[in-house]
PDB file of all heavy atoms in Angstrom:
ATOM      1  N   MET A   1      93.736  99.474  86.419  1.00  0.00           N
ATOM      2  CA  MET A   1      93.649  98.050  86.743  1.00  0.00           C
ATOM      3  C   MET A   1      92.715  97.294  85.799  1.00  0.00           C
ATOM      4  O   MET A   1      92.937  96.108  85.526  1.00  0.00           O
ATOM      5  CB  MET A   1      93.214  97.866  88.197  1.00  0.00           C
ATOM      6  CG  MET A   1      94.200  98.440  89.202  1.00  0.00           C
ATOM      7  SD  MET A   1      95.912  97.821  88.970  1.00  0.00           S
ATOM      8  CE  MET A   1      96.827  98.925  90.055  1.00  0.00           C
ATOM      9  N   ASN A   2      91.698  97.969  85.276  1.00  0.00           N
ATOM     10  CA  ASN A   2      90.772  97.310  84.354  1.00  0.00           C
ATOM     11  C   ASN A   2      91.322  97.223  82.932  1.00  0.00           C
ATOM     12  O   ASN A   2      90.954  96.314  82.181  1.00  0.00           O
ATOM     13  CB  ASN A   2      89.432  98.048  84.319  1.00  0.00           C
ATOM     14  CG  ASN A   2      88.631  97.861  85.582  1.00  0.00           C
ATOM     15  OD1 ASN A   2      88.816  96.883  86.307  1.00  0.00           O
ATOM     16  ND2 ASN A   2      87.744  98.799  85.870  1.00  0.00           N
ATOM     17  N   LEU A   3      92.197  98.154  82.577  1.00  0.00           N
ATOM     18  CA  LEU A   3      92.640  98.278  81.188  1.00  0.00           C
ATOM     19  C   LEU A   3      94.010  97.675  80.916  1.00  0.00           C
ATOM     20  O   LEU A   3      94.243  97.084  79.852  1.00  0.00           O
ATOM     21  CB  LEU A   3      92.654  99.766  80.802  1.00  0.00           C
ATOM     22  CG  LEU A   3      93.175 100.149  79.416  1.00  0.00           C
ATOM     23  CD1 LEU A   3      92.290  99.545  78.320  1.00  0.00           C
ATOM     24  CD2 LEU A   3      93.228 101.674  79.273  1.00  0.00           C
ATOM     25  N   SER A   4      94.918  97.775  81.869  1.00  0.00           N
ATOM     26  CA  SER A   4      96.326  97.481  81.601  1.00  0.00           C
ATOM     27  C   SER A   4      96.621  95.983  81.543  1.00  0.00           C
ATOM     28  O   SER A   4      96.049  95.190  82.278  1.00  0.00           O
ATOM     29  CB  SER A   4      97.212  98.117  82.675  1.00  0.00           C
ATOM     30  OG  SER A   4      96.962  99.499  82.767  1.00  0.00           O
ATOM     31  N   ASP A   5      97.546  95.627  80.663  1.00  0.00           N
ATOM     32  CA  ASP A   5      98.090  94.272  80.631  1.00  0.00           C
ATOM     33  C   ASP A   5      99.217  94.129  81.646  1.00  0.00           C
ATOM     34  O   ASP A   5      99.408  93.061  82.238  1.00  0.00           O
ATOM     35  CB  ASP A   5      98.607  93.952  79.230  1.00  0.00           C
ATOM     36  CG  ASP A   5      97.493  93.994  78.199  1.00  0.00           C
ATOM     37  OD1 ASP A   5      96.636  93.102  78.212  1.00  0.00           O
ATOM     38  OD2 ASP A   5      97.482  94.947  77.385  1.00  0.00           O
ATOM     39  N   SER A   6      99.976  95.207  81.831  1.00  0.00           N
ATOM     40  CA  SER A   6     101.047  95.223  82.828  1.00  0.00           C
ATOM     41  C   SER A   6     101.151  96.619  83.410  1.00  0.00           C
ATOM     42  O   SER A   6     100.757  97.606  82.778  1.00  0.00           O
ATOM     43  CB  SER A   6     102.393  94.803  82.209  1.00  0.00           C
ATOM     44  OG  SER A   6     102.752  95.668  81.165  1.00  0.00           O
ATOM     45  N   VAL A   7     101.672  96.684  84.639  1.00  0.00           N
ATOM     46  CA  VAL A   7     101.764  97.951  85.370  1.00  0.00           C
ATOM     47  C   VAL A   7     103.185  98.113  85.899  1.00  0.00           C
ATOM     48  O   VAL A   7     103.755  97.186  86.480  1.00  0.00           O
ATOM     49  CB  VAL A   7     100.762  97.999  86.537  1.00  0.00           C
ATOM     50  CG1 VAL A   7     100.849  99.346  87.263  1.00  0.00           C
ATOM     51  CG2 VAL A   7      99.334  97.761  86.036  1.00  0.00           C
ATOM     52  N   VAL A   8     103.737  99.292  85.679  1.00  0.00           N
ATOM     53  CA  VAL A   8     105.060  99.647  86.201  1.00  0.00           C
ATOM     54  C   VAL A   8     104.847 100.714  87.273  1.00  0.00           C
ATOM     55  O   VAL A   8     104.244 101.757  87.000  1.00  0.00           O
ATOM     56  CB  VAL A   8     105.971 100.193  85.085  1.00  0.00           C
ATOM     57  CG1 VAL A   8     107.322 100.633  85.649  1.00  0.00           C
ATOM     58  CG2 VAL A   8     106.152  99.156  83.987  1.00  0.00           C
ATOM     59  N   VAL A   9     105.314 100.455  88.488  1.00  0.00           N
ATOM     60  CA  VAL A   9     105.103 101.373  89.603  1.00  0.00           C
ATOM     61  C   VAL A   9     106.427 102.025  89.978  1.00  0.00           C
ATOM     62  O   VAL A   9     107.429 101.335  90.186  1.00  0.00           O
ATOM     63  CB  VAL A   9     104.521 100.645  90.830  1.00  0.00           C
ATOM     64  CG1 VAL A   9     104.090 101.665  91.890  1.00  0.00           C
ATOM     65  CG2 VAL A   9     103.353  99.756  90.430  1.00  0.00           C
ATOM     66  N   MET A  10     106.415 103.358  90.075  1.00  0.00           N
ATOM     67  CA  MET A  10     107.618 104.069  90.457  1.00  0.00           C
ATOM     68  C   MET A  10     107.318 105.083  91.557  1.00  0.00           C
ATOM     69  O   MET A  10     106.171 105.516  91.738  1.00  0.00           O
ATOM     70  CB  MET A  10     108.253 104.754  89.241  1.00  0.00           C
ATOM     71  CG  MET A  10     107.356 105.722  88.499  1.00  0.00           C
ATOM     72  SD  MET A  10     108.097 106.327  86.953  1.00  0.00           S
ATOM     73  CE  MET A  10     109.536 107.198  87.566  1.00  0.00           C
ATOM     74  N   ASN A  11     108.349 105.437  92.294  1.00  0.00           N
ATOM     75  CA  ASN A  11     108.228 106.439  93.347  1.00  0.00           C
ATOM     76  C   ASN A  11     109.576 107.127  93.503  1.00  0.00           C
ATOM     77  O   ASN A  11     110.614 106.469  93.500  1.00  0.00           O
ATOM     78  CB  ASN A  11     107.811 105.798  94.671  1.00  0.00           C
ATOM     79  CG  ASN A  11     107.318 106.822  95.683  1.00  0.00           C
ATOM     80  OD1 ASN A  11     106.992 107.958  95.325  1.00  0.00           O
ATOM     81  ND2 ASN A  11     107.266 106.428  96.939  1.00  0.00           N
ATOM     82  N   PHE A  12     109.560 108.459  93.599  1.00  0.00           N
ATOM     83  CA  PHE A  12     110.789 109.246  93.683  1.00  0.00           C
ATOM     84  C   PHE A  12     111.770 108.868  92.588  1.00  0.00           C
ATOM     85  O   PHE A  12     112.977 108.790  92.796  1.00  0.00           O
ATOM     86  CB  PHE A  12     111.439 109.096  95.062  1.00  0.00           C
ATOM     87  CG  PHE A  12     110.587 109.599  96.195  1.00  0.00           C
ATOM     88  CD1 PHE A  12     110.029 108.715  97.096  1.00  0.00           C
ATOM     89  CD2 PHE A  12     110.328 110.956  96.328  1.00  0.00           C
ATOM     90  CE1 PHE A  12     109.234 109.176  98.138  1.00  0.00           C
ATOM     91  CE2 PHE A  12     109.531 111.429  97.362  1.00  0.00           C
ATOM     92  CZ  PHE A  12     108.979 110.534  98.265  1.00  0.00           C
ATOM     93  N   GLY A  13     111.217 108.621  91.378  1.00  0.00           N
ATOM     94  CA  GLY A  13     112.054 108.345  90.217  1.00  0.00           C
ATOM     95  C   GLY A  13     112.568 106.935  90.091  1.00  0.00           C
ATOM     96  O   GLY A  13     113.235 106.604  89.112  1.00  0.00           O
ATOM     97  N   LYS A  14     112.272 106.091  91.068  1.00  0.00           N
ATOM     98  CA  LYS A  14     112.792 104.725  91.053  1.00  0.00           C
ATOM     99  C   LYS A  14     111.680 103.703  90.857  1.00  0.00           C
ATOM    100  O   LYS A  14     110.531 103.947  91.204  1.00  0.00           O
ATOM    101  CB  LYS A  14     113.529 104.424  92.362  1.00  0.00           C
ATOM    102  CG  LYS A  14     114.793 105.247  92.564  1.00  0.00           C
ATOM    103  CD  LYS A  14     115.507 104.816  93.833  1.00  0.00           C
ATOM    104  CE  LYS A  14     116.817 105.585  94.018  1.00  0.00           C
ATOM    105  NZ  LYS A  14     117.546 105.144  95.240  1.00  0.00           N
ATOM    106  N   LEU A  15     112.062 102.559  90.317  1.00  0.00           N
ATOM    107  CA  LEU A  15     111.124 101.460  90.144  1.00  0.00           C
ATOM    108  C   LEU A  15     110.831 100.801  91.486  1.00  0.00           C
ATOM    109  O   LEU A  15     111.740 100.467  92.236  1.00  0.00           O
ATOM    110  CB  LEU A  15     111.704 100.420  89.183  1.00  0.00           C
ATOM    111  CG  LEU A  15     110.853  99.167  88.937  1.00  0.00           C
ATOM    112  CD1 LEU A  15     109.631  99.518  88.104  1.00  0.00           C
ATOM    113  CD2 LEU A  15     111.686  98.094  88.229  1.00  0.00           C
ATOM    114  N   ILE A  16     109.536 100.624  91.792  1.00  0.00           N
ATOM    115  CA  ILE A  16     109.130  99.857  92.970  1.00  0.00           C
ATOM    116  C   ILE A  16     108.878  98.409  92.575  1.00  0.00           C
ATOM    117  O   ILE A  16     109.405  97.483  93.169  1.00  0.00           O
ATOM    118  CB  ILE A  16     107.864 100.453  93.615  1.00  0.00           C
ATOM    119  CG1 ILE A  16     108.140 101.855  94.147  1.00  0.00           C
ATOM    120  CG2 ILE A  16     107.351  99.553  94.737  1.00  0.00           C
ATOM    121  CD1 ILE A  16     106.927 102.519  94.750  1.00  0.00           C
ATOM    122  N   CYS A  17     108.050  98.226  91.549  1.00  0.00           N
ATOM    123  CA  CYS A  17     107.776  96.879  91.060  1.00  0.00           C
ATOM    124  C   CYS A  17     107.100  96.972  89.705  1.00  0.00           C
ATOM    125  O   CYS A  17     106.667  98.043  89.287  1.00  0.00           O
ATOM    126  CB  CYS A  17     106.906  96.088  92.043  1.00  0.00           C
ATOM    127  SG  CYS A  17     105.172  96.542  92.022  1.00  0.00           S
ATOM    128  N   ALA A  18     107.014  95.851  89.025  1.00  0.00           N
ATOM    129  CA  ALA A  18     106.319  95.753  87.745  1.00  0.00           C
ATOM    130  C   ALA A  18     105.670  94.384  87.670  1.00  0.00           C
ATOM    131  O   ALA A  18     106.240  93.389  88.147  1.00  0.00           O
ATOM    132  CB  ALA A  18     107.281  95.958  86.578  1.00  0.00           C
ATOM    133  N   GLY A  19     104.482  94.320  87.082  1.00  0.00           N
ATOM    134  CA  GLY A  19     103.791  93.039  86.961  1.00  0.00           C
ATOM    135  C   GLY A  19     102.385  93.232  86.454  1.00  0.00           C
ATOM    136  O   GLY A  19     102.033  94.299  85.938  1.00  0.00           O
ATOM    137  N   THR A  20     101.584  92.210  86.583  1.00  0.00           N
ATOM    138  CA  THR A  20     100.189  92.305  86.181  1.00  0.00           C
ATOM    139  C   THR A  20      99.451  93.195  87.184  1.00  0.00           C
ATOM    140  O   THR A  20      99.936  93.432  88.303  1.00  0.00           O
ATOM    141  CB  THR A  20      99.536  90.918  86.162  1.00  0.00           C
ATOM    142  OG1 THR A  20      99.514  90.405  87.511  1.00  0.00           O
ATOM    143  CG2 THR A  20     100.302  89.961  85.250  1.00  0.00           C
ATOM    144  N   PRO A  21      98.267  93.693  86.823  1.00  0.00           N
ATOM    145  CA  PRO A  21      97.501  94.495  87.781  1.00  0.00           C
ATOM    146  C   PRO A  21      97.288  93.802  89.121  1.00  0.00           C
ATOM    147  O   PRO A  21      97.438  94.433  90.176  1.00  0.00           O
ATOM    148  CB  PRO A  21      96.183  94.731  87.036  1.00  0.00           C
ATOM    149  CG  PRO A  21      96.572  94.751  85.598  1.00  0.00           C
ATOM    150  CD  PRO A  21      97.644  93.706  85.487  1.00  0.00           C
ATOM    151  N   SER A  22      96.957  92.506  89.107  1.00  0.00           N
ATOM    152  CA  SER A  22      96.719  91.801  90.372  1.00  0.00           C
ATOM    153  C   SER A  22      97.992  91.687  91.196  1.00  0.00           C
ATOM    154  O   SER A  22      97.959  91.814  92.431  1.00  0.00           O
ATOM    155  CB  SER A  22      96.136  90.418  90.100  1.00  0.00           C
ATOM    156  OG  SER A  22      97.017  89.635  89.317  1.00  0.00           O
ATOM    157  N   GLU A  23      99.128  91.465  90.538  1.00  0.00           N
ATOM    158  CA  GLU A  23     100.401  91.376  91.252  1.00  0.00           C
ATOM    159  C   GLU A  23     100.760  92.710  91.899  1.00  0.00           C
ATOM    160  O   GLU A  23     101.226  92.765  93.041  1.00  0.00           O
ATOM    161  CB  GLU A  23     101.513  90.944  90.299  1.00  0.00           C
ATOM    162  CG  GLU A  23     101.415  89.487  89.852  1.00  0.00           C
ATOM    163  CD  GLU A  23     102.380  89.145  88.734  1.00  0.00           C
ATOM    164  OE1 GLU A  23     102.893  90.074  88.063  1.00  0.00           O
ATOM    165  OE2 GLU A  23     102.620  87.943  88.521  1.00  0.00           O
ATOM    166  N   VAL A  24     100.527  93.783  91.166  1.00  0.00           N
ATOM    167  CA  VAL A  24     100.855  95.113  91.665  1.00  0.00           C
ATOM    168  C   VAL A  24      99.946  95.492  92.836  1.00  0.00           C
ATOM    169  O   VAL A  24     100.399  96.032  93.849  1.00  0.00           O
ATOM    170  CB  VAL A  24     100.737  96.148  90.526  1.00  0.00           C
ATOM    171  CG1 VAL A  24     100.701  97.569  91.072  1.00  0.00           C
ATOM    172  CG2 VAL A  24     101.904  95.978  89.554  1.00  0.00           C
ATOM    173  N   GLN A  25      98.667  95.191  92.716  1.00  0.00           N
ATOM    174  CA  GLN A  25      97.718  95.554  93.770  1.00  0.00           C
ATOM    175  C   GLN A  25      98.017  94.871  95.097  1.00  0.00           C
ATOM    176  O   GLN A  25      97.711  95.407  96.158  1.00  0.00           O
ATOM    177  CB  GLN A  25      96.292  95.205  93.330  1.00  0.00           C
ATOM    178  CG  GLN A  25      95.712  96.188  92.325  1.00  0.00           C
ATOM    179  CD  GLN A  25      94.320  95.778  91.895  1.00  0.00           C
ATOM    180  OE1 GLN A  25      94.119  94.690  91.355  1.00  0.00           O
ATOM    181  NE2 GLN A  25      93.347  96.647  92.124  1.00  0.00           N
ATOM    182  N   SER A  26      98.630  93.702  95.037  1.00  0.00           N
ATOM    183  CA  SER A  26      98.909  92.948  96.260  1.00  0.00           C
ATOM    184  C   SER A  26     100.319  93.172  96.799  1.00  0.00           C
ATOM    185  O   SER A  26     100.686  92.603  97.831  1.00  0.00           O
ATOM    186  CB  SER A  26      98.693  91.450  96.014  1.00  0.00           C
ATOM    187  OG  SER A  26      99.592  90.977  95.012  1.00  0.00           O
ATOM    188  N   ASN A  27     101.104  94.006  96.120  1.00  0.00           N
ATOM    189  CA  ASN A  27     102.485  94.244  96.554  1.00  0.00           C
ATOM    190  C   ASN A  27     102.508  95.227  97.729  1.00  0.00           C
ATOM    191  O   ASN A  27     102.017  96.352  97.615  1.00  0.00           O
ATOM    192  CB  ASN A  27     103.295  94.809  95.379  1.00  0.00           C
ATOM    193  CG  ASN A  27     104.772  94.907  95.695  1.00  0.00           C
ATOM    194  OD1 ASN A  27     105.181  95.620  96.601  1.00  0.00           O
ATOM    195  ND2 ASN A  27     105.587  94.198  94.923  1.00  0.00           N
ATOM    196  N   PRO A  28     103.059  94.854  98.868  1.00  0.00           N
ATOM    197  CA  PRO A  28     103.055  95.729 100.059  1.00  0.00           C
ATOM    198  C   PRO A  28     103.734  97.072  99.819  1.00  0.00           C
ATOM    199  O   PRO A  28     103.296  98.089 100.372  1.00  0.00           O
ATOM    200  CB  PRO A  28     103.820  94.900 101.101  1.00  0.00           C
ATOM    201  CG  PRO A  28     103.721  93.493 100.632  1.00  0.00           C
ATOM    202  CD  PRO A  28     103.692  93.547  99.139  1.00  0.00           C
ATOM    203  N   LEU A  29     104.798  97.091  99.030  1.00  0.00           N
ATOM    204  CA  LEU A  29     105.496  98.348  98.765  1.00  0.00           C
ATOM    205  C   LEU A  29     104.624  99.315  97.973  1.00  0.00           C
ATOM    206  O   LEU A  29     104.664 100.530  98.190  1.00  0.00           O
ATOM    207  CB  LEU A  29     106.797  98.074  98.000  1.00  0.00           C
ATOM    208  CG  LEU A  29     107.868  97.295  98.756  1.00  0.00           C
ATOM    209  CD1 LEU A  29     109.063  97.019  97.848  1.00  0.00           C
ATOM    210  CD2 LEU A  29     108.303  98.059 100.006  1.00  0.00           C
TER     211      LEU A  29
END
């Protein structure tokens, strides 16, 4: 979260979401 410009989140091989660190941290999924 301190280093990244963007974060891609995956689970069980699938994309959950992608966005800035703050967007990802607040995503319920």
